[in-house]
């Protein structure tokens, strides 16, 4: 029996039960259609690609050309914060990353003051690496951001393809070939790979983030590409056609300059693809505070881009499908989030035995709710299947358990996401993105050239005084906001 409020009413508005039933069914139908889009797109993807029959694909690890084209790899770095990890990243890329042609690694860094480590970093240029591998180290004087570092080096690159990694990324050996294979076989201008936490055994938080990354990269992002007709550039582990990327300088004033580049490229009619099988490992945020700060920056960055291009898509010279895809990525984010909150948080409470049990509603409402539950279970099973196929054997047991937990507590993830997204919207709307500490990451080792560097790594958004450094005169843009340099 449901709750009675006053004078025999069974709802706050004292509406007839049949009216309440129709209203709730209409709301749930719209919400479930939006929520089920991912599941339906995933089903379509399974059928189209026959994922269960040939999960790795027949050509993932082979380029469509007889000879691999030369490629440039760019890693933007901030010193001193990332000096404890950059040497291992250099060695990993130049020794372990597979590519049967010339590969030039560009390390472009900025620093507020001269450091002893710079000499050791530049000395690495003269070392012997794998065949056809070379290193170029460049200091960008006057730079205070990742965007400025990239803007300095990209115009100098002459190779047809360029790959971007963050300083803490260790791409899987076959990931570059998979990116190249996917990009060269497509008409896309860029191919975005997936990311996982390479030190996921370090903490429960690392395992949770690793599970989230796997589900988003292997389930939600490919579904997004099917629904919207395009993906987006995530800032790292991505291969671009150099001539296209050179047309879109990174904006140092944007908190997510990578998403801003994606928006401009999409508005010009370009498309970005997702290739989740091309995997790269990054370091986990050190604690929950660091994770929340990181996600808040991401959400504020997305809000900035959405506000910046909200109306421009309407007048862009794009087809209706391309405009719809752009709106799906940006404009519909809030509608999709509200639908997730309704389905994952509000509906379970309303249809619980303590309020209005599901069996007390009409058959239409029951079918609507149960269909959503079945499709949610399908998405969870698909994620577990992909984990069984694509995770390394040593990571499989932990990864699969973490994915199960992720789907079981999905409602909590939605609540946190909604809360942070709301805070981000308010901050951007009020122009108060502000100055705040961003992601601290656990180190996995210290470079022998670094003296006294232990513990965690702090991204360069952290204030100069908080880092124990003298503030640089040009550390902030003229509008008083801190420039973002995502890792």
Protein backbone atom coordinates (compact mmCIF):
# COMPACT_ATOMS: atom_id res chain seq x y z
CA UNK A 1 0.00 0.00 0.00
CA UNK A 2 1.39 3.43 -0.93
CA UNK A 3 1.89 6.44 1.31
CA UNK A 4 -1.20 8.47 2.26
CA UNK A 5 -0.61 12.22 2.72
CA UNK A 6 -3.89 13.90 3.85
CA UNK A 7 -7.62 13.44 3.40
CA UNK A 8 -6.98 10.06 1.84
CA UNK A 9 -4.69 11.44 -0.90
CA UNK A 10 -2.01 9.07 -2.15
CA UNK A 11 0.13 11.83 -3.70
CA UNK A 12 1.11 15.41 -2.88
CA UNK A 13 -1.12 16.95 -5.58
CA UNK A 14 -4.14 14.75 -4.75
CA UNK A 15 -4.39 13.73 -8.39
CA UNK A 16 -6.33 10.60 -9.35
CA UNK A 17 -4.02 7.56 -9.38
CA UNK A 18 -4.66 6.95 -13.08
CA UNK A 19 -3.47 10.50 -13.90
CA UNK A 20 -0.35 10.06 -11.79
CA UNK A 21 0.28 6.76 -13.52
CA UNK A 22 0.03 8.33 -17.00
CA UNK A 23 2.25 11.27 -16.04
CA UNK A 24 4.90 9.06 -14.48
CA UNK A 25 4.79 6.65 -17.42
CA UNK A 26 5.37 9.53 -19.85
CA UNK A 27 8.31 10.83 -17.84
CA UNK A 28 9.85 7.38 -17.42
CA UNK A 29 9.36 6.57 -21.09
CA UNK A 30 11.30 9.66 -22.19
CA UNK A 31 14.01 9.06 -19.58
CA UNK A 32 14.37 5.39 -20.44
CA UNK A 33 14.54 6.08 -24.17
CA UNK A 34 17.47 8.43 -23.50
CA UNK A 35 19.11 5.99 -21.10
CA UNK A 36 18.61 3.02 -23.41
CA UNK A 37 20.28 4.74 -26.35
CA UNK A 38 23.67 3.52 -25.15
CA UNK A 39 22.41 -0.04 -24.84
CA UNK A 40 20.73 0.04 -28.24
CA UNK A 41 23.83 1.54 -29.86
CA UNK A 42 25.92 -1.18 -28.20
CA UNK A 43 23.61 -3.87 -29.55
CA UNK A 44 23.92 -2.36 -33.02
CA UNK A 45 27.70 -2.27 -32.64
CA UNK A 46 27.85 -5.93 -31.60
CA UNK A 47 25.74 -6.99 -34.58
CA UNK A 48 27.60 -4.81 -37.07
CA UNK A 49 31.10 -5.75 -36.02
CA UNK A 50 30.33 -9.29 -34.85
CA UNK A 51 32.38 -8.53 -31.75
CA UNK A 52 31.74 -11.87 -30.09
CA UNK A 53 32.98 -13.85 -33.10
CA UNK A 54 36.19 -11.94 -33.80
CA UNK A 55 36.71 -9.63 -30.84
CA UNK A 56 40.15 -8.41 -31.78
CA UNK A 57 39.30 -7.65 -35.40
CA UNK A 58 41.27 -9.00 -38.31
CA UNK A 59 43.40 -5.94 -39.01
CA UNK A 60 43.86 -4.22 -35.64
CA UNK A 61 47.61 -4.83 -35.49
CA UNK A 62 48.41 -4.27 -39.15
CA UNK A 63 48.55 -1.02 -41.10
CA UNK A 64 46.68 -0.88 -44.43
CA UNK A 65 49.87 0.27 -46.21
CA UNK A 66 53.01 -1.67 -47.08
CA UNK A 67 55.22 0.80 -45.25
CA UNK A 68 54.37 2.67 -42.06
CA UNK A 69 54.60 6.45 -42.50
CA UNK A 70 56.97 8.44 -40.26
CA UNK A 71 55.25 9.69 -37.14
CA UNK A 72 55.97 12.36 -34.52
CA UNK A 73 55.04 11.81 -30.89
CA UNK A 74 54.57 14.88 -28.69
CA UNK A 75 54.63 14.86 -24.88
CA UNK A 76 54.02 18.15 -23.11
CA UNK A 77 55.67 18.34 -19.72
CA UNK A 78 55.78 20.70 -16.75
CA UNK A 79 58.86 20.90 -14.55
CA UNK A 80 59.60 20.38 -11.76
CA UNK A 81 56.27 18.62 -11.10
CA UNK A 82 56.72 15.88 -13.69
CA UNK A 83 60.47 15.39 -13.59
CA UNK A 84 60.03 12.23 -11.50
CA UNK A 85 58.16 10.45 -14.30
CA UNK A 86 59.23 11.94 -17.62
CA UNK A 87 62.41 9.87 -17.99
CA UNK A 88 60.52 6.57 -17.65
CA UNK A 89 57.92 7.83 -20.16
CA UNK A 90 60.66 8.66 -22.68
CA UNK A 91 62.26 5.26 -22.33
CA UNK A 92 58.92 3.49 -22.55
CA UNK A 93 57.93 5.23 -25.79
CA UNK A 94 61.33 4.95 -27.48
CA UNK A 95 61.97 1.32 -26.51
CA UNK A 96 58.60 -0.40 -26.16
CA UNK A 97 56.16 1.34 -28.50
CA UNK A 98 55.84 -0.59 -31.79
CA UNK A 99 56.08 1.31 -35.09
CA UNK A 100 57.88 0.04 -38.21
CA UNK A 101 59.16 3.38 -39.39
CA UNK A 102 60.84 6.54 -38.16
CA UNK A 103 59.46 7.79 -34.85
CA UNK A 104 60.50 11.13 -33.40
CA UNK A 105 59.61 11.90 -29.80
CA UNK A 106 59.26 15.59 -28.94
CA UNK A 107 59.43 16.50 -25.25
CA UNK A 108 58.23 20.11 -24.92
CA UNK A 109 58.35 21.51 -21.42
CA UNK A 110 58.06 24.71 -19.44
CA UNK A 111 59.42 25.60 -16.04
CA UNK A 112 59.20 28.72 -13.87
CA UNK A 113 62.95 28.66 -13.21
CA UNK A 114 66.11 26.86 -14.30
CA UNK A 115 66.50 23.38 -12.84
CA UNK A 116 69.46 20.98 -12.55
CA UNK A 117 67.26 18.26 -14.05
CA UNK A 118 67.08 20.13 -17.36
CA UNK A 119 70.67 19.23 -18.14
CA UNK A 120 69.96 15.54 -17.58
CA UNK A 121 66.82 15.77 -19.70
CA UNK A 122 68.60 17.37 -22.65
CA UNK A 123 71.42 14.81 -22.32
CA UNK A 124 68.91 12.08 -23.13
CA UNK A 125 68.82 13.35 -26.73
CA UNK A 126 72.23 11.81 -27.39
CA UNK A 127 71.34 8.34 -26.06
CA UNK A 128 70.87 5.31 -28.30
CA UNK A 129 67.30 4.08 -28.53
CA UNK A 130 65.50 1.50 -30.64
CA UNK A 131 66.17 1.65 -34.41
CA UNK A 132 64.64 4.63 -36.21
CA UNK A 133 63.87 6.31 -32.88
CA UNK A 134 65.07 9.77 -31.89
CA UNK A 135 64.40 12.29 -29.13
CA UNK A 136 64.14 16.07 -29.25
CA UNK A 137 63.82 18.07 -26.05
CA UNK A 138 62.60 21.67 -26.21
CA UNK A 139 62.12 24.21 -23.46
CA UNK A 140 59.35 26.72 -24.21
CA UNK A 141 60.40 29.98 -22.59
CA UNK A 142 57.54 32.13 -21.38
CA UNK A 143 55.04 29.27 -21.45
CA UNK A 144 52.74 28.71 -18.49
CA UNK A 145 50.54 25.97 -19.89
CA UNK A 146 50.34 22.72 -21.80
CA UNK A 147 48.47 24.53 -24.57
CA UNK A 148 51.35 26.95 -25.14
CA UNK A 149 53.85 24.09 -25.19
CA UNK A 150 51.84 22.29 -27.86
CA UNK A 151 51.31 25.47 -29.88
CA UNK A 152 55.08 25.99 -29.95
CA UNK A 153 56.01 22.56 -31.30
CA UNK A 154 53.11 21.55 -33.57
CA UNK A 155 53.84 24.07 -36.38
CA UNK A 156 57.38 22.64 -36.60
CA UNK A 157 56.26 19.05 -37.24
CA UNK A 158 56.51 17.89 -40.84
CA UNK A 159 55.46 14.25 -40.47
CA UNK A 160 52.03 13.40 -41.84
CA UNK A 161 50.82 12.04 -38.51
CA UNK A 162 51.30 13.24 -34.95
CA UNK A 163 50.46 11.47 -31.69
CA UNK A 164 49.87 13.20 -28.36
CA UNK A 165 50.51 11.71 -24.92
CA UNK A 166 50.55 13.15 -21.42
CA UNK A 167 53.72 12.92 -19.36
CA UNK A 168 52.44 10.07 -17.17
CA UNK A 169 51.19 7.92 -20.06
CA UNK A 170 52.75 4.56 -20.90
CA UNK A 171 50.94 3.35 -24.03
CA UNK A 172 50.65 -0.38 -24.63
CA UNK A 173 53.26 -1.61 -27.14
CA UNK A 174 50.67 -2.29 -29.86
CA UNK A 175 48.51 0.79 -29.18
CA UNK A 176 50.18 3.10 -31.71
CA UNK A 177 49.83 0.55 -34.51
CA UNK A 178 46.16 0.13 -33.60
CA UNK A 179 45.62 3.89 -33.66
CA UNK A 180 47.36 4.13 -37.01
CA UNK A 181 45.44 1.18 -38.45
CA UNK A 182 42.10 2.66 -37.39
CA UNK A 183 42.94 6.19 -38.60
CA UNK A 184 44.41 5.18 -41.97
CA UNK A 185 41.37 3.01 -42.73
CA UNK A 186 38.94 5.83 -41.96
CA UNK A 187 38.08 9.29 -43.17
CA UNK A 188 38.54 10.73 -39.69
CA UNK A 189 41.05 13.47 -38.93
CA UNK A 190 41.93 11.97 -35.54
CA UNK A 191 41.63 8.69 -33.70
CA UNK A 192 41.24 8.67 -29.91
CA UNK A 193 42.44 5.66 -27.93
CA UNK A 194 41.43 4.52 -24.46
CA UNK A 195 43.02 5.03 -21.06
CA UNK A 196 43.40 2.83 -18.00
CA UNK A 197 45.04 3.19 -14.60
CA UNK A 198 48.40 1.47 -14.77
CA UNK A 199 48.92 1.55 -10.98
CA UNK A 200 45.39 0.34 -10.21
CA UNK A 201 46.65 -1.98 -7.50
CA UNK A 202 47.76 1.02 -5.47
CA UNK A 203 44.39 1.77 -3.85
CA UNK A 204 40.66 1.10 -3.93
CA UNK A 205 40.20 4.52 -5.52
CA UNK A 206 42.56 3.55 -8.34
CA UNK A 207 40.55 0.39 -8.99
CA UNK A 208 37.30 2.39 -9.07
CA UNK A 209 38.70 4.91 -11.56
CA UNK A 210 40.13 2.08 -13.65
CA UNK A 211 36.69 0.43 -13.83
CA UNK A 212 35.08 3.74 -14.78
CA UNK A 213 37.66 4.33 -17.51
CA UNK A 214 37.11 0.86 -18.96
CA UNK A 215 33.31 1.19 -19.07
CA UNK A 216 33.37 4.68 -20.56
CA UNK A 217 36.01 3.89 -23.19
CA UNK A 218 34.72 0.46 -24.25
CA UNK A 219 30.97 1.00 -23.88
CA UNK A 220 29.85 4.61 -23.68
CA UNK A 221 32.31 6.32 -26.03
CA UNK A 222 31.82 3.87 -28.94
CA UNK A 223 28.05 4.17 -28.41
CA UNK A 224 28.45 7.96 -28.44
CA UNK A 225 30.25 7.74 -31.77
CA UNK A 226 27.41 5.67 -33.25
CA UNK A 227 24.69 7.95 -31.89
CA UNK A 228 26.42 11.25 -32.65
CA UNK A 229 28.31 10.26 -35.78
CA UNK A 230 31.63 11.32 -34.22
CA UNK A 231 33.77 11.09 -31.14
CA UNK A 232 35.98 13.72 -29.58
CA UNK A 233 39.65 14.31 -28.79
CA UNK A 234 40.48 13.63 -25.14
CA UNK A 235 43.91 15.26 -24.98
CA UNK A 236 46.14 12.18 -24.78
CA UNK A 237 46.67 8.85 -26.55
CA UNK A 238 45.34 10.24 -29.82
CA UNK A 239 46.70 10.28 -33.37
CA UNK A 240 45.98 13.25 -35.64
CA UNK A 241 46.54 14.09 -39.26
CA UNK A 242 49.16 16.78 -38.69
CA UNK A 243 47.97 19.24 -41.32
CA UNK A 244 44.51 19.31 -39.69
CA UNK A 245 45.66 19.70 -36.10
CA UNK A 246 47.97 22.55 -37.13
CA UNK A 247 44.87 24.50 -38.16
CA UNK A 248 43.52 24.50 -34.59
CA UNK A 249 45.88 26.10 -32.05
CA UNK A 250 45.14 25.18 -28.44
CA UNK A 251 43.47 27.91 -26.36
CA UNK A 252 45.39 28.43 -23.08
CA UNK A 253 42.36 30.11 -21.47
CA UNK A 254 40.19 26.99 -21.70
CA UNK A 255 40.20 24.48 -18.84
CA UNK A 256 39.87 21.60 -21.33
CA UNK A 257 41.72 22.90 -24.35
CA UNK A 258 41.47 19.46 -25.98
CA UNK A 259 37.65 19.51 -25.97
CA UNK A 260 37.78 23.06 -27.33
CA UNK A 261 39.90 21.86 -30.27
CA UNK A 262 37.42 19.03 -30.83
CA UNK A 263 34.48 21.45 -30.93
CA UNK A 264 36.17 23.72 -33.48
CA UNK A 265 37.15 20.78 -35.68
CA UNK A 266 33.64 19.29 -35.54
CA UNK A 267 32.07 22.64 -36.43
CA UNK A 268 34.30 22.70 -39.53
CA UNK A 269 32.93 19.34 -40.61
CA UNK A 270 35.74 17.06 -39.39
CA UNK A 271 35.16 13.84 -37.48
CA UNK A 272 37.04 12.09 -34.69
CA UNK A 273 36.91 8.34 -34.13
CA UNK A 274 37.25 6.15 -31.04
CA UNK A 275 39.58 3.16 -30.94
CA UNK A 276 39.28 1.67 -27.42
CA UNK A 277 41.59 -1.23 -28.31
CA UNK A 278 44.49 1.25 -28.52
CA UNK A 279 45.18 1.47 -24.80
CA UNK A 280 47.49 3.65 -22.72
CA UNK A 281 48.07 3.56 -18.96
CA UNK A 282 48.20 6.67 -16.78
CA UNK A 283 48.75 7.24 -13.07
CA UNK A 284 45.87 7.32 -10.62
CA UNK A 285 44.84 10.41 -8.68
CA UNK A 286 46.39 10.18 -5.23
CA UNK A 287 43.18 10.47 -3.21
CA UNK A 288 39.49 11.35 -3.41
CA UNK A 289 40.18 15.07 -3.03
CA UNK A 290 42.51 14.99 -6.02
CA UNK A 291 39.96 13.01 -8.04
CA UNK A 292 37.14 15.45 -7.28
CA UNK A 293 39.37 18.41 -8.19
CA UNK A 294 40.26 16.72 -11.48
CA UNK A 295 36.65 15.94 -12.40
CA UNK A 296 35.47 19.40 -11.42
CA UNK A 297 38.04 20.87 -13.79
CA UNK A 298 36.85 18.55 -16.56
CA UNK A 299 33.22 19.45 -16.01
CA UNK A 300 33.95 23.17 -15.92
CA UNK A 301 35.93 22.77 -19.13
CA UNK A 302 33.00 21.07 -20.85
CA UNK A 303 30.68 23.82 -19.62
CA UNK A 304 33.05 26.46 -21.01
CA UNK A 305 33.09 24.81 -24.43
CA UNK A 306 29.32 24.29 -24.44
CA UNK A 307 28.67 27.94 -23.59
CA UNK A 308 31.23 29.12 -26.13
CA UNK A 309 29.75 27.22 -29.09
CA UNK A 310 26.14 26.81 -27.95
CA UNK A 311 24.63 28.85 -30.80
CA UNK A 312 27.41 28.55 -33.38
CA UNK A 313 26.40 25.02 -34.31
CA UNK A 314 23.02 26.30 -35.52
CA UNK A 315 24.64 28.47 -38.21
CA UNK A 316 27.51 26.11 -39.03
CA UNK A 317 27.66 24.68 -42.56
CA UNK A 318 26.92 21.15 -41.38
CA UNK A 319 24.37 18.53 -42.29
CA UNK A 320 21.48 17.89 -39.92
CA UNK A 321 23.14 14.67 -38.72
CA UNK A 322 26.43 16.45 -37.99
CA UNK A 323 24.61 19.20 -36.09
CA UNK A 324 22.67 16.56 -34.17
CA UNK A 325 25.91 14.79 -33.31
CA UNK A 326 27.46 18.01 -32.02
CA UNK A 327 24.35 18.73 -29.94
CA UNK A 328 24.42 15.19 -28.57
CA UNK A 329 27.99 15.74 -27.34
CA UNK A 330 27.40 19.17 -25.81
CA UNK A 331 23.83 20.47 -25.68
CA UNK A 332 22.14 17.25 -24.54
CA UNK A 333 24.57 16.50 -21.72
CA UNK A 334 22.25 17.90 -19.08
CA UNK A 335 19.15 16.18 -20.46
CA UNK A 336 20.98 12.86 -20.48
CA UNK A 337 22.23 13.49 -16.95
CA UNK A 338 18.71 14.27 -15.69
CA UNK A 339 17.47 11.07 -17.31
CA UNK A 340 20.22 9.10 -15.56
CA UNK A 341 19.33 10.65 -12.20
CA UNK A 342 15.66 9.81 -12.69
CA UNK A 343 16.33 6.21 -13.71
CA UNK A 344 19.16 5.39 -11.29
CA UNK A 345 18.19 7.41 -8.20
CA UNK A 346 14.63 8.75 -8.17
CA UNK A 347 12.77 5.84 -9.75
CA UNK A 348 14.22 3.14 -7.46
CA UNK A 349 13.11 5.19 -4.45
CA UNK A 350 9.61 5.89 -5.75
CA UNK A 351 8.96 2.28 -6.82
CA UNK A 352 10.48 0.81 -3.63
CA UNK A 353 8.30 -1.21 -1.20
CA UNK A 354 8.47 1.71 1.24
CA UNK A 355 6.68 4.11 -1.13
CA UNK A 356 4.81 2.91 -4.21
CA UNK A 357 5.84 -0.69 -5.01
CA UNK A 358 6.44 -1.38 -8.67
CA UNK A 359 3.64 -3.97 -8.87
CA UNK A 360 1.12 -1.31 -7.79
CA UNK A 361 1.73 0.69 -10.97
CA UNK A 362 0.18 0.02 -14.36
CA UNK A 363 1.54 -2.69 -16.61
CA UNK A 364 2.97 -0.04 -18.93
CA UNK A 365 5.08 1.48 -16.15
CA UNK A 366 6.26 -1.95 -15.01
CA UNK A 367 7.32 -2.90 -18.54
CA UNK A 368 9.08 0.44 -18.99
CA UNK A 369 11.08 0.02 -15.78
CA UNK A 370 11.91 -3.65 -16.30
CA UNK A 371 13.03 -3.01 -19.89
CA UNK A 372 15.48 -0.39 -18.64
CA UNK A 373 16.79 -2.84 -16.01
CA UNK A 374 17.30 -5.56 -18.63
CA UNK A 375 19.17 -3.22 -20.98
CA UNK A 376 21.30 -1.94 -18.08
CA UNK A 377 22.19 -5.56 -17.28
CA UNK A 378 23.06 -6.11 -20.95
CA UNK A 379 25.47 -3.16 -20.88
CA UNK A 380 27.06 -4.55 -17.71
CA UNK A 381 27.48 -8.00 -19.27
CA UNK A 382 28.93 -6.45 -22.42
CA UNK A 383 31.47 -4.56 -20.31
CA UNK A 384 32.45 -7.79 -18.56
CA UNK A 385 32.82 -9.51 -21.92
CA UNK A 386 35.12 -6.77 -23.18
CA UNK A 387 37.14 -6.95 -19.95
CA UNK A 388 37.54 -10.68 -20.47
CA UNK A 389 38.76 -10.09 -24.04
CA UNK A 390 40.86 -6.93 -23.83
CA UNK A 391 42.27 -6.82 -20.31
CA UNK A 392 45.66 -8.37 -19.72
CA UNK A 393 45.40 -11.74 -17.90
CA UNK A 394 47.08 -10.38 -14.78
CA UNK A 395 44.53 -7.54 -14.60
CA UNK A 396 41.39 -9.49 -15.53
CA UNK A 397 40.18 -10.73 -12.11
CA UNK A 398 40.51 -7.38 -10.39
CA UNK A 399 39.14 -5.50 -13.38
CA UNK A 400 36.05 -7.68 -13.70
CA UNK A 401 35.23 -7.45 -9.99
CA UNK A 402 35.69 -3.67 -10.13
CA UNK A 403 33.36 -3.43 -13.14
CA UNK A 404 30.67 -5.43 -11.33
CA UNK A 405 30.94 -3.12 -8.32
CA UNK A 406 30.82 -0.09 -10.63
CA UNK A 407 27.48 -1.16 -12.10
CA UNK A 408 26.04 -2.17 -8.72
CA UNK A 409 26.75 1.26 -7.24
CA UNK A 410 26.02 3.08 -10.49
CA UNK A 411 23.47 5.23 -8.68
CA UNK A 412 26.24 6.65 -6.48
CA UNK A 413 28.34 7.45 -9.54
CA UNK A 414 25.37 9.29 -11.05
CA UNK A 415 24.83 11.30 -7.84
CA UNK A 416 28.48 12.36 -7.67
CA UNK A 417 28.51 13.18 -11.38
CA UNK A 418 25.34 15.27 -11.08
CA UNK A 419 26.64 17.12 -8.03
CA UNK A 420 29.98 18.03 -9.60
CA UNK A 421 28.34 18.93 -12.90
CA UNK A 422 25.98 21.31 -11.07
CA UNK A 423 28.86 22.96 -9.22
CA UNK A 424 30.76 23.31 -12.49
CA UNK A 425 27.79 24.91 -14.21
CA UNK A 426 27.35 27.47 -11.43
CA UNK A 427 31.05 28.34 -11.38
CA UNK A 428 31.24 28.83 -15.15
CA UNK A 429 27.94 30.74 -15.26
CA UNK A 430 29.22 33.13 -12.57
CA UNK A 431 32.68 33.35 -14.13
CA UNK A 432 34.24 31.88 -10.99
CA UNK A 433 36.27 28.96 -12.34
CA UNK A 434 38.82 30.31 -9.88
CA UNK A 435 42.19 29.14 -8.72
CA UNK A 436 42.38 25.76 -7.14
CA UNK A 437 44.57 22.71 -6.68
CA UNK A 438 44.24 20.00 -9.28
CA UNK A 439 45.15 16.36 -9.57
CA UNK A 440 47.92 14.95 -7.45
CA UNK A 441 49.14 11.60 -8.75
CA UNK A 442 50.94 8.76 -7.07
CA UNK A 443 54.46 8.24 -8.39
CA UNK A 444 55.53 4.79 -9.54
CA UNK A 445 59.25 5.50 -9.34
CA UNK A 446 61.74 8.31 -9.19
CA UNK A 447 64.15 9.28 -11.90
CA UNK A 448 67.75 8.81 -10.80
CA UNK A 449 68.40 12.38 -12.01
CA UNK A 450 65.89 13.75 -9.51
CA UNK A 451 67.03 14.47 -5.99
CA UNK A 452 64.54 14.44 -3.14
CA UNK A 453 61.40 13.91 -5.25
CA UNK A 454 58.98 11.48 -3.60
CA UNK A 455 55.33 10.98 -2.81
CA UNK A 456 52.84 12.60 -5.17
CA UNK A 457 52.96 14.68 -8.29
CA UNK A 458 51.02 17.91 -8.53
CA UNK A 459 49.73 19.32 -11.78
CA UNK A 460 50.81 22.84 -12.71
CA UNK A 461 47.45 24.43 -11.91
CA UNK A 462 48.50 24.44 -8.28
CA UNK A 463 49.44 27.92 -7.18
CA UNK A 464 53.12 28.81 -7.22
CA UNK A 465 53.22 29.65 -3.52
CA UNK A 466 51.56 26.33 -2.68
CA UNK A 467 54.28 24.55 -4.70
CA UNK A 468 56.99 26.30 -2.74
CA UNK A 469 58.10 28.23 -5.84
CA UNK A 470 58.35 31.92 -6.59
CA UNK A 471 55.28 33.02 -8.54
CA UNK A 472 56.05 33.71 -12.18
CA UNK A 473 55.11 37.14 -13.41
CA UNK A 474 53.03 35.69 -16.25
CA UNK A 475 51.55 32.75 -14.36
CA UNK A 476 47.98 33.92 -14.88
CA UNK A 477 46.07 35.23 -17.89
CA UNK A 478 44.78 38.77 -17.82
CA UNK A 479 41.30 37.77 -16.67
CA UNK A 480 42.72 36.49 -13.39
CA UNK A 481 41.90 32.83 -13.95
CA UNK A 482 44.46 30.09 -13.61
CA UNK A 483 45.45 28.48 -16.88
CA UNK A 484 44.73 24.77 -17.02
CA UNK A 485 47.38 22.25 -17.98
CA UNK A 486 45.65 18.86 -17.90
CA UNK A 487 47.65 15.71 -17.37
